[in-house]
Amino acid sequence: MPDLSYSLTGQYDAGIASLGVTAVGQTDTVSGGYEWEGKTLFNLNGKIRPIENLEVGVSVYNLFDTFDGRGNGTGVVSDAGNNSIVTVTPALGRTVSGSVRFSF
């Protein structure tokens, strides 16, 4: 397990539009003699309300398309010779999603 996992969020709302950013990360992890570099992923979201009762949004996960192996790699399958096979959970690459919300 990493020593520290963190999440920081900032949001600005200007009435007709809002913009937010999130930083999610963890510190370096050492497991079974292997060190896994800690990384931070940045996410971005924006919303605009062009007319009353309608909101259009876009979210970007992993804004800078950072490769990050989450977890601590405890599943060492093989450590023979110069090769090692380990299991980690990779973070998704850059992912963009949109939304439309109608209120009534």
C-alpha atoms as a PDB file:
ATOM      1  CA  MET A   1       0.000   0.000   0.000  1.00  0.00           C
ATOM      2  CA  PRO A   2       1.199   3.529  -0.667  1.00  0.00           C
ATOM      3  CA  ASP A   3       1.967   5.750   2.330  1.00  0.00           C
ATOM      4  CA  LEU A   4      -0.461   8.368   1.069  1.00  0.00           C
ATOM      5  CA  SER A   5      -3.392   8.411  -1.362  1.00  0.00           C
ATOM      6  CA  TYR A   6      -4.909  11.800  -2.075  1.00  0.00           C
ATOM      7  CA  SER A   7      -7.598  13.630  -4.001  1.00  0.00           C
ATOM      8  CA  LEU A   8      -7.785  17.410  -4.475  1.00  0.00           C
ATOM      9  CA  THR A   9     -10.730  19.096  -6.145  1.00  0.00           C
ATOM     10  CA  GLY A  10     -11.368  22.658  -7.263  1.00  0.00           C
ATOM     11  CA  GLN A  11     -14.548  24.009  -8.835  1.00  0.00           C
ATOM     12  CA  TYR A  12     -15.445  27.442 -10.193  1.00  0.00           C
ATOM     13  CA  ASP A  13     -19.070  28.279 -10.971  1.00  0.00           C
ATOM     14  CA  ALA A  14     -19.809  31.423 -12.997  1.00  0.00           C
ATOM     15  CA  GLY A  15     -23.592  31.018 -13.180  1.00  0.00           C
ATOM     16  CA  ILE A  16     -23.999  30.043 -16.823  1.00  0.00           C
ATOM     17  CA  ALA A  17     -20.893  27.814 -16.787  1.00  0.00           C
ATOM     18  CA  SER A  18     -18.677  25.914 -14.371  1.00  0.00           C
ATOM     19  CA  LEU A  19     -15.204  24.429 -14.592  1.00  0.00           C
ATOM     20  CA  GLY A  20     -13.599  21.905 -12.273  1.00  0.00           C
ATOM     21  CA  VAL A  21     -10.317  20.069 -11.922  1.00  0.00           C
ATOM     22  CA  THR A  22      -9.398  17.067  -9.794  1.00  0.00           C
ATOM     23  CA  ALA A  23      -5.966  15.668  -8.945  1.00  0.00           C
ATOM     24  CA  VAL A  24      -5.928  12.055  -7.711  1.00  0.00           C
ATOM     25  CA  GLY A  25      -2.736  10.262  -6.813  1.00  0.00           C
ATOM     26  CA  GLN A  26      -0.636   8.154  -4.525  1.00  0.00           C
ATOM     27  CA  THR A  27       2.928   8.158  -3.261  1.00  0.00           C
ATOM     28  CA  ASP A  28       5.588   5.585  -4.161  1.00  0.00           C
ATOM     29  CA  THR A  29       4.915   2.021  -3.072  1.00  0.00           C
ATOM     30  CA  VAL A  30       7.482  -0.621  -2.147  1.00  0.00           C
ATOM     31  CA  SER A  31       6.319  -4.230  -2.231  1.00  0.00           C
ATOM     32  CA  GLY A  32       8.373  -7.414  -2.332  1.00  0.00           C
ATOM     33  CA  GLY A  33      11.556  -5.478  -3.089  1.00  0.00           C
ATOM     34  CA  TYR A  34       9.963  -3.661  -6.042  1.00  0.00           C
ATOM     35  CA  GLU A  35       9.296   0.068  -6.048  1.00  0.00           C
ATOM     36  CA  TRP A  36       6.284   1.460  -7.890  1.00  0.00           C
ATOM     37  CA  GLU A  37       6.501   5.152  -8.747  1.00  0.00           C
ATOM     38  CA  GLY A  38       3.722   7.314  -7.334  1.00  0.00           C
ATOM     39  CA  LYS A  39       1.788   9.367  -9.879  1.00  0.00           C
ATOM     40  CA  THR A  40      -0.967  11.953 -10.066  1.00  0.00           C
ATOM     41  CA  LEU A  41      -3.841  11.876 -12.549  1.00  0.00           C
ATOM     42  CA  PHE A  42      -5.625  15.090 -13.486  1.00  0.00           C
ATOM     43  CA  ASN A  43      -9.288  15.174 -14.465  1.00  0.00           C
ATOM     44  CA  LEU A  44     -11.189  18.108 -15.937  1.00  0.00           C
ATOM     45  CA  ASN A  45     -14.904  18.805 -16.184  1.00  0.00           C
ATOM     46  CA  GLY A  46     -16.945  21.640 -17.561  1.00  0.00           C
ATOM     47  CA  LYS A  47     -20.642  22.440 -17.755  1.00  0.00           C
ATOM     48  CA  ILE A  48     -22.597  25.108 -19.538  1.00  0.00           C
ATOM     49  CA  ARG A  49     -26.239  26.028 -19.065  1.00  0.00           C
ATOM     50  CA  PRO A  50     -27.239  27.728 -22.358  1.00  0.00           C
ATOM     51  CA  ILE A  51     -30.933  27.964 -21.478  1.00  0.00           C
ATOM     52  CA  GLU A  52     -33.027  27.384 -18.383  1.00  0.00           C
ATOM     53  CA  ASN A  53     -33.418  23.693 -17.448  1.00  0.00           C
ATOM     54  CA  LEU A  54     -30.698  22.512 -19.871  1.00  0.00           C
ATOM     55  CA  GLU A  55     -27.129  21.654 -18.914  1.00  0.00           C
ATOM     56  CA  VAL A  56     -24.427  20.321 -21.271  1.00  0.00           C
ATOM     57  CA  GLY A  57     -21.235  18.896 -19.814  1.00  0.00           C
ATOM     58  CA  VAL A  58     -17.940  17.315 -20.773  1.00  0.00           C
ATOM     59  CA  SER A  59     -15.502  15.395 -18.551  1.00  0.00           C
ATOM     60  CA  VAL A  60     -11.949  14.334 -19.293  1.00  0.00           C
ATOM     61  CA  TYR A  61     -10.428  11.576 -17.166  1.00  0.00           C
ATOM     62  CA  ASN A  62      -6.608  11.337 -17.141  1.00  0.00           C
ATOM     63  CA  LEU A  63      -6.190  14.636 -18.959  1.00  0.00           C
ATOM     64  CA  PHE A  64      -2.471  14.170 -19.722  1.00  0.00           C
ATOM     65  CA  ASP A  65      -2.835  10.463 -20.637  1.00  0.00           C
ATOM     66  CA  THR A  66      -0.435   9.410 -17.858  1.00  0.00           C
ATOM     67  CA  PHE A  67       0.395   5.718 -17.491  1.00  0.00           C
ATOM     68  CA  ASP A  68      -0.162   4.773 -13.872  1.00  0.00           C
ATOM     69  CA  GLY A  69      -0.232   1.323 -12.311  1.00  0.00           C
ATOM     70  CA  ARG A  70      -2.571   1.565  -9.343  1.00  0.00           C
ATOM     71  CA  GLY A  71      -2.252  -0.854  -6.474  1.00  0.00           C
ATOM     72  CA  ASN A  72       1.018  -2.159  -5.146  1.00  0.00           C
ATOM     73  CA  GLY A  73       1.910  -5.005  -7.480  1.00  0.00           C
ATOM     74  CA  THR A  74       1.559  -7.700  -4.846  1.00  0.00           C
ATOM     75  CA  GLY A  75       0.779 -10.343  -7.445  1.00  0.00           C
ATOM     76  CA  VAL A  76       4.367 -11.260  -8.372  1.00  0.00           C
ATOM     77  CA  VAL A  77       3.814 -14.223 -10.687  1.00  0.00           C
ATOM     78  CA  SER A  78       7.441 -14.929 -11.592  1.00  0.00           C
ATOM     79  CA  ASP A  79      10.774 -13.476 -10.581  1.00  0.00           C
ATOM     80  CA  ALA A  80      13.076 -15.794 -12.530  1.00  0.00           C
ATOM     81  CA  GLY A  81      16.234 -14.582 -14.256  1.00  0.00           C
ATOM     82  CA  ASN A  82      16.129 -11.057 -15.662  1.00  0.00           C
ATOM     83  CA  ASN A  83      12.360 -11.075 -16.173  1.00  0.00           C
ATOM     84  CA  SER A  84       9.564 -10.428 -13.720  1.00  0.00           C
ATOM     85  CA  ILE A  85       5.842 -10.780 -14.238  1.00  0.00           C
ATOM     86  CA  VAL A  86       3.698  -8.756 -11.853  1.00  0.00           C
ATOM     87  CA  THR A  87       0.079  -7.758 -11.652  1.00  0.00           C
ATOM     88  CA  VAL A  88      -1.060  -4.167 -11.215  1.00  0.00           C
ATOM     89  CA  THR A  89      -4.229  -2.331 -12.068  1.00  0.00           C
ATOM     90  CA  PRO A  90      -3.515   0.283 -14.749  1.00  0.00           C
ATOM     91  CA  ALA A  91      -5.464   3.517 -14.757  1.00  0.00           C
ATOM     92  CA  LEU A  92      -7.539   4.125 -17.870  1.00  0.00           C
ATOM     93  CA  GLY A  93      -5.977   6.226 -20.592  1.00  0.00           C
ATOM     94  CA  ARG A  94      -7.460   9.592 -21.488  1.00  0.00           C
ATOM     95  CA  THR A  95     -11.231   9.209 -21.582  1.00  0.00           C
ATOM     96  CA  VAL A  96     -13.690  11.891 -22.678  1.00  0.00           C
ATOM     97  CA  SER A  97     -17.402  11.721 -21.904  1.00  0.00           C
ATOM     98  CA  GLY A  98     -20.260  14.113 -22.445  1.00  0.00           C
ATOM     99  CA  SER A  99     -23.636  14.632 -20.872  1.00  0.00           C
ATOM    100  CA  VAL A 100     -26.869  16.471 -21.455  1.00  0.00           C
ATOM    101  CA  ARG A 101     -29.258  17.057 -18.574  1.00  0.00           C
ATOM    102  CA  PHE A 102     -32.771  18.402 -18.907  1.00  0.00           C
ATOM    103  CA  SER A 103     -34.631  19.413 -15.734  1.00  0.00           C
ATOM    104  CA  PHE A 104     -38.383  19.721 -15.531  1.00  0.00           C
END
